[in-house]
Amino acid sequence: MFDLGIVVVSYNTRDLLRACLQSVYESRGNFAFEVCVVDNGSSDGSAAMVTTEFPQVELIANEENVGYPAANNQGLEAFGFSESSEEGDDSEPPRFALLLNSDTELPPDGLARMLDFMADHPDAGAAGPKLVRPDGSLDLACRRSFPTPEISFYRMTGLSRIFPRHRRFGQYNLTYLDPDQMTEVDSVVGAFMLVRGEAIQQAGLMDESFFMYGEDLDWAYRIKEAGWKIYYTPTVTVLHVKKASTRQNPRAQVEFYRAMEIFYRKHFAAQTRWWVHNLIIAAISARLKLEQLRVAVSTAGR
């Protein structure tokens, strides 16, 4: 059994992917890792670059974009993870799996320090570092609460942006907390999500009914349901360009609201009063239709 299996999903981010993999292989520390790149039908030569420049990487080249969770599952399965342990399966997955976006760059000691953190916190099913944008600002998505109907309301009405330091209104991205404070959270982001192998075996793989957005929140929800904790630790800082792939997809915001509805129906609808449920579905549907219209207009104008 090796220590860490790293899954990098790529979509038309060749140069960023190169920098990401270079930073991975410049990592220092006493641990063994392997890397699997899952290319989601890129047209920019990403797969060929990986083959030529990083022959040690296991490459899965999809002919089309199968979605973020499905591609991550391909990588996790390549490392021996599955929905359930099957008798006769000789593959032994690594102790940890890392979901890593192709638009990230790691510090040389980042992986070692994150693995040390997991060793020091045996109750941690998953953990994530401090993610910063190229301008040095915090990537707010690196520590989050689950989007309950209440928290989503604060987000969609703009209260979370107007009162980011308020303990109630700022729950969506925990903006009332010091970014340099280690804390237990509901979820970290899939751009860098280090997950304990045991937690994966108990919670299962990512839900492929999501296409992009929401799948990391759903995974975190199921990991916590299995009895594990999730931590944000700022002792490691990782560069995240952010949206390098999604900005190329005009349907990104459509998928955001579709993911919101999937997550709500899966985890909160059953315990929500009928009139609140109807309001939530109507609000999400309205935003979804507006985004679909925007995509249709922008596509027609090309």
Protein backbone atom coordinates (compact mmCIF):
# COMPACT_ATOMS: atom_id res chain seq x y z
CA MET A 1 0.00 0.00 0.00
CA PHE A 2 1.37 3.43 -0.94
CA ASP A 3 0.50 6.61 0.92
CA LEU A 4 -1.25 8.91 -1.52
CA GLY A 5 -3.12 8.66 -4.80
CA ILE A 6 -3.51 12.03 -6.53
CA VAL A 7 -6.32 12.51 -9.05
CA VAL A 8 -6.07 15.53 -11.35
CA VAL A 9 -9.01 16.18 -13.68
CA SER A 10 -8.14 18.41 -16.62
CA TYR A 11 -10.14 20.21 -19.29
CA ASN A 12 -8.31 22.52 -21.68
CA THR A 13 -5.81 23.77 -19.10
CA ARG A 14 -2.59 22.38 -20.63
CA ASP A 15 -0.14 25.02 -19.39
CA LEU A 16 -1.70 25.20 -15.93
CA LEU A 17 -1.74 21.41 -15.78
CA ARG A 18 1.97 21.34 -16.59
CA ALA A 19 2.72 23.77 -13.76
CA CYS A 20 0.50 21.77 -11.39
CA LEU A 21 2.25 18.48 -12.14
CA GLN A 22 5.67 20.09 -11.87
CA SER A 23 4.78 21.33 -8.40
CA VAL A 24 3.50 17.88 -7.44
CA TYR A 25 6.73 16.17 -8.50
CA GLU A 26 8.81 18.79 -6.71
CA SER A 27 7.15 17.76 -3.44
CA ARG A 28 9.41 16.81 -0.57
CA GLY A 29 8.74 14.39 2.26
CA ASN A 30 8.92 10.80 3.37
CA PHE A 31 5.85 9.42 1.59
CA ALA A 32 5.06 7.54 -1.59
CA PHE A 33 2.53 8.86 -4.09
CA GLU A 34 1.17 8.16 -7.54
CA VAL A 35 -0.65 10.49 -9.92
CA CYS A 36 -3.57 9.83 -12.26
CA VAL A 37 -4.59 12.55 -14.72
CA VAL A 38 -8.08 12.20 -16.15
CA ASP A 39 -8.41 14.39 -19.22
CA ASN A 40 -12.02 15.27 -20.02
CA GLY A 41 -11.79 15.49 -23.81
CA SER A 42 -9.47 18.50 -23.98
CA SER A 43 -8.80 20.01 -27.42
CA ASP A 44 -5.64 21.87 -26.40
CA GLY A 45 -3.20 18.95 -26.39
CA SER A 46 -3.31 18.40 -22.63
CA ALA A 47 -3.28 14.60 -22.92
CA ALA A 48 -0.37 14.62 -25.36
CA MET A 49 1.58 16.96 -23.07
CA VAL A 50 1.11 14.59 -20.12
CA THR A 51 2.23 11.60 -22.19
CA THR A 52 5.34 13.38 -23.44
CA GLU A 53 6.44 15.33 -20.37
CA PHE A 54 5.15 13.20 -17.49
CA PRO A 55 5.41 9.55 -18.56
CA GLN A 56 5.24 8.45 -14.91
CA VAL A 57 1.63 9.70 -14.71
CA GLU A 58 -1.23 7.29 -15.30
CA LEU A 59 -3.32 9.00 -17.98
CA ILE A 60 -6.99 8.39 -18.66
CA ALA A 61 -8.00 10.29 -21.80
CA ASN A 62 -11.75 10.61 -22.22
CA GLU A 63 -13.08 11.35 -25.67
CA GLU A 64 -15.62 13.78 -24.22
CA ASN A 65 -16.26 15.78 -21.07
CA VAL A 66 -17.94 13.27 -18.76
CA GLY A 67 -18.20 15.73 -15.89
CA TYR A 68 -16.06 16.44 -12.85
CA PRO A 69 -17.34 13.77 -10.43
CA ALA A 70 -17.38 11.03 -13.06
CA ALA A 71 -13.80 11.84 -14.06
CA ASN A 72 -12.64 11.89 -10.43
CA ASN A 73 -14.31 8.52 -9.92
CA GLN A 74 -12.34 7.15 -12.85
CA GLY A 75 -9.15 8.23 -11.12
CA LEU A 76 -10.23 6.90 -7.74
CA GLU A 77 -11.15 3.57 -9.30
CA ALA A 78 -7.74 3.44 -11.00
CA PHE A 79 -6.25 3.57 -7.49
CA GLY A 80 -8.46 0.72 -6.30
CA PHE A 81 -11.31 2.60 -4.62
CA SER A 82 -14.84 1.42 -5.30
CA GLU A 83 -18.39 1.84 -4.04
CA SER A 84 -18.06 -1.38 -2.07
CA SER A 85 -15.33 -3.88 -1.32
CA GLU A 86 -15.75 -6.89 -3.55
CA GLU A 87 -14.39 -10.29 -2.71
CA GLY A 88 -11.56 -11.33 -4.95
CA ASP A 89 -10.45 -7.75 -5.62
CA ASP A 90 -6.67 -7.84 -5.18
CA SER A 91 -6.14 -4.08 -5.56
CA GLU A 92 -5.27 -2.26 -2.36
CA PRO A 93 -6.01 1.45 -2.47
CA PRO A 94 -3.67 4.02 -0.94
CA ARG A 95 -4.08 5.32 2.59
CA PHE A 96 -5.23 8.69 1.24
CA ALA A 97 -6.62 10.14 -1.96
CA LEU A 98 -6.20 13.74 -3.08
CA LEU A 99 -8.51 15.49 -5.51
CA LEU A 100 -6.41 18.25 -7.03
CA ASN A 101 -7.48 20.76 -9.67
CA SER A 102 -5.23 21.29 -12.65
CA ASP A 103 -5.11 25.04 -11.92
CA THR A 104 -3.37 24.66 -8.55
CA GLU A 105 0.29 24.82 -7.58
CA LEU A 106 1.65 23.23 -4.40
CA PRO A 107 4.44 24.38 -2.10
CA PRO A 108 7.27 21.81 -1.89
CA ASP A 109 6.29 20.69 1.64
CA GLY A 110 2.53 20.99 1.11
CA LEU A 111 1.68 17.33 0.64
CA ALA A 112 3.91 16.19 3.51
CA ARG A 113 2.40 18.73 5.90
CA MET A 114 -1.16 17.83 4.90
CA LEU A 115 -0.43 14.14 5.46
CA ASP A 116 1.09 15.01 8.85
CA PHE A 117 -2.10 16.90 9.67
CA MET A 118 -4.19 13.83 8.88
CA ALA A 119 -1.91 11.70 11.04
CA ASP A 120 -2.33 14.16 13.92
CA HIS A 121 -6.13 14.15 13.48
CA PRO A 122 -7.22 10.51 13.19
CA ASP A 123 -10.86 11.61 13.29
CA ALA A 124 -10.40 13.56 10.04
CA GLY A 125 -12.12 12.00 7.05
CA ALA A 126 -11.04 14.89 4.84
CA ALA A 127 -9.07 18.11 5.03
CA GLY A 128 -8.16 21.05 2.87
CA PRO A 129 -5.56 23.83 3.00
CA LYS A 130 -5.76 27.58 2.63
CA LEU A 131 -6.29 28.36 -1.06
CA VAL A 132 -5.23 31.74 -2.39
CA ARG A 133 -5.86 33.41 -5.74
CA PRO A 134 -3.01 34.77 -7.91
CA ASP A 135 -3.64 38.23 -6.42
CA GLY A 136 -3.11 36.83 -2.91
CA SER A 137 -6.77 36.96 -1.88
CA LEU A 138 -8.42 34.03 -0.14
CA ASP A 139 -10.40 31.61 -2.29
CA LEU A 140 -13.53 31.71 -0.16
CA ALA A 141 -14.65 28.25 -1.29
CA CYS A 142 -11.82 26.55 0.60
CA ARG A 143 -13.97 26.35 3.77
CA ARG A 144 -17.74 26.12 3.66
CA SER A 145 -20.94 25.26 5.45
CA PHE A 146 -23.51 23.01 3.86
CA PRO A 147 -26.05 25.05 1.84
CA THR A 148 -29.07 24.45 4.03
CA PRO A 149 -32.24 26.32 3.00
CA GLU A 150 -31.45 29.00 5.60
CA ILE A 151 -27.81 29.45 4.57
CA SER A 152 -28.71 29.39 0.87
CA PHE A 153 -31.29 32.11 1.51
CA TYR A 154 -28.63 34.38 3.00
CA ARG A 155 -26.45 33.66 -0.02
CA MET A 156 -29.07 34.20 -2.71
CA THR A 157 -30.43 37.41 -1.14
CA GLY A 158 -26.95 38.89 -0.86
CA LEU A 159 -26.98 39.07 2.94
CA SER A 160 -23.81 36.96 3.08
CA ARG A 161 -21.99 39.56 0.95
CA ILE A 162 -23.42 42.58 2.79
CA PHE A 163 -22.62 41.18 6.24
CA PRO A 164 -19.63 38.83 5.71
CA ARG A 165 -18.48 39.13 9.34
CA HIS A 166 -21.88 38.23 10.80
CA ARG A 167 -21.88 34.75 12.37
CA ARG A 168 -25.31 33.96 10.93
CA PHE A 169 -25.21 35.65 7.52
CA GLY A 170 -21.57 34.72 6.85
CA GLN A 171 -21.98 30.99 7.26
CA TYR A 172 -21.85 30.09 3.55
CA ASN A 173 -18.08 30.67 3.25
CA LEU A 174 -17.42 31.11 6.98
CA THR A 175 -16.29 34.67 6.27
CA TYR A 176 -16.64 35.59 9.94
CA LEU A 177 -13.66 33.36 10.79
CA ASP A 178 -10.00 34.31 10.65
CA PRO A 179 -8.54 32.75 7.46
CA ASP A 180 -5.50 31.69 9.50
CA GLN A 181 -7.61 29.78 12.02
CA MET A 182 -7.67 25.99 11.82
CA THR A 183 -11.25 24.86 12.24
CA GLU A 184 -13.64 21.99 11.74
CA VAL A 185 -15.94 22.75 8.80
CA ASP A 186 -18.75 21.13 6.86
CA SER A 187 -16.76 20.94 3.65
CA VAL A 188 -13.57 21.89 1.89
CA VAL A 189 -13.41 22.37 -1.86
CA GLY A 190 -12.61 19.74 -4.50
CA ALA A 191 -9.77 21.89 -5.85
CA PHE A 192 -7.69 20.35 -3.02
CA MET A 193 -9.54 17.74 -1.03
CA LEU A 194 -7.43 15.22 0.87
CA VAL A 195 -9.57 12.24 1.89
CA ARG A 196 -8.76 9.27 4.10
CA GLY A 197 -9.07 5.96 2.29
CA GLU A 198 -11.25 4.47 5.02
CA ALA A 199 -13.68 7.36 4.67
CA ILE A 200 -13.95 6.76 0.92
CA GLN A 201 -14.65 3.08 1.45
CA GLN A 202 -17.42 3.95 3.90
CA ALA A 203 -18.98 6.92 2.08
CA GLY A 204 -18.54 5.63 -1.47
CA LEU A 205 -17.38 7.52 -4.54
CA MET A 206 -18.64 10.86 -5.85
CA ASP A 207 -22.25 11.18 -7.01
CA GLU A 208 -22.24 11.35 -10.80
CA SER A 209 -25.72 12.88 -10.99
CA PHE A 210 -23.79 16.15 -10.52
CA PHE A 211 -21.85 17.36 -13.56
CA MET A 212 -19.87 20.18 -12.01
CA TYR A 213 -20.39 22.00 -8.72
CA GLY A 214 -21.94 20.47 -5.61
CA GLU A 215 -20.30 17.07 -5.87
CA ASP A 216 -17.61 17.93 -3.32
CA LEU A 217 -20.24 19.24 -0.88
CA ASP A 218 -22.26 16.07 -1.35
CA TRP A 219 -19.17 13.90 -0.78
CA ALA A 220 -18.32 15.84 2.37
CA TYR A 221 -21.90 15.43 3.59
CA ARG A 222 -21.69 11.65 3.18
CA ILE A 223 -18.23 11.47 4.75
CA LYS A 224 -19.57 13.30 7.81
CA GLU A 225 -22.63 11.04 7.85
CA ALA A 226 -20.21 8.11 8.10
CA GLY A 227 -18.89 9.61 11.34
CA TRP A 228 -15.79 11.49 10.19
CA LYS A 229 -14.82 15.13 10.69
CA ILE A 230 -13.63 17.58 8.04
CA TYR A 231 -11.01 20.23 8.73
CA TYR A 232 -9.68 23.41 7.17
CA THR A 233 -6.00 23.98 7.97
CA PRO A 234 -4.19 27.17 6.97
CA THR A 235 -0.78 25.73 7.84
CA VAL A 236 -0.48 24.91 4.12
CA THR A 237 -1.15 27.51 1.42
CA VAL A 238 -1.91 26.44 -2.15
CA LEU A 239 -2.20 28.67 -5.21
CA HIS A 240 -5.52 28.33 -7.05
CA VAL A 241 -6.08 30.15 -10.34
CA LYS A 242 -9.78 29.18 -10.09
CA LYS A 243 -12.33 28.67 -12.86
CA ALA A 244 -9.65 27.95 -15.45
CA SER A 245 -11.84 25.17 -16.85
CA THR A 246 -15.31 26.39 -15.92
CA ARG A 247 -14.90 29.80 -17.57
CA GLN A 248 -14.58 27.91 -20.87
CA ASN A 249 -17.95 26.29 -20.34
CA PRO A 250 -20.89 28.64 -21.02
CA ARG A 251 -23.16 26.24 -19.12
CA ALA A 252 -21.19 26.60 -15.88
CA GLN A 253 -23.77 28.73 -14.09
CA VAL A 254 -26.58 26.52 -15.40
CA GLU A 255 -24.83 23.57 -13.80
CA PHE A 256 -24.36 25.57 -10.58
CA TYR A 257 -28.12 25.96 -10.10
CA ARG A 258 -28.83 22.44 -11.28
CA ALA A 259 -26.36 21.17 -8.66
CA MET A 260 -28.03 23.33 -6.03
CA GLU A 261 -31.36 21.65 -6.73
CA ILE A 262 -29.85 18.15 -6.72
CA PHE A 263 -28.14 18.77 -3.38
CA TYR A 264 -31.26 20.28 -1.81
CA ARG A 265 -33.56 17.47 -2.97
CA LYS A 266 -31.09 14.82 -1.85
CA HIS A 267 -30.31 16.11 1.64
CA PHE A 268 -32.89 18.67 2.80
CA ALA A 269 -36.18 18.38 0.90
CA ALA A 270 -37.58 15.57 3.05
CA GLN A 271 -37.45 17.63 6.27
CA THR A 272 -38.52 20.98 4.75
CA ARG A 273 -42.07 22.29 5.18
CA TRP A 274 -44.08 22.09 1.96
CA TRP A 275 -44.51 25.83 1.51
CA VAL A 276 -40.81 26.49 2.11
CA HIS A 277 -39.99 23.62 -0.25
CA ASN A 278 -42.13 25.17 -2.99
CA LEU A 279 -40.45 28.56 -2.51
CA ILE A 280 -36.98 27.01 -2.72
CA ILE A 281 -37.74 25.03 -5.88
CA ALA A 282 -39.37 28.08 -7.49
CA ALA A 283 -36.37 30.28 -6.68
CA ILE A 284 -33.84 27.77 -8.00
CA SER A 285 -35.93 27.11 -11.11
CA ALA A 286 -36.19 30.84 -11.84
CA ARG A 287 -32.41 31.31 -11.59
CA LEU A 288 -31.84 28.18 -13.67
CA LYS A 289 -34.16 29.38 -16.44
CA LEU A 290 -32.50 32.81 -16.48
CA GLU A 291 -29.09 31.19 -16.90
CA GLN A 292 -30.39 28.87 -19.63
CA LEU A 293 -31.78 31.91 -21.45
CA ARG A 294 -28.48 33.75 -21.06
CA VAL A 295 -26.58 30.78 -22.52
CA ALA A 296 -29.04 30.49 -25.42
CA VAL A 297 -28.72 34.21 -26.26
CA SER A 298 -24.93 34.23 -25.99
CA THR A 299 -24.65 31.09 -28.12
CA ALA A 300 -27.00 32.47 -30.78
CA GLY A 301 -24.96 35.65 -30.97
CA ARG A 302 -21.78 33.85 -32.02
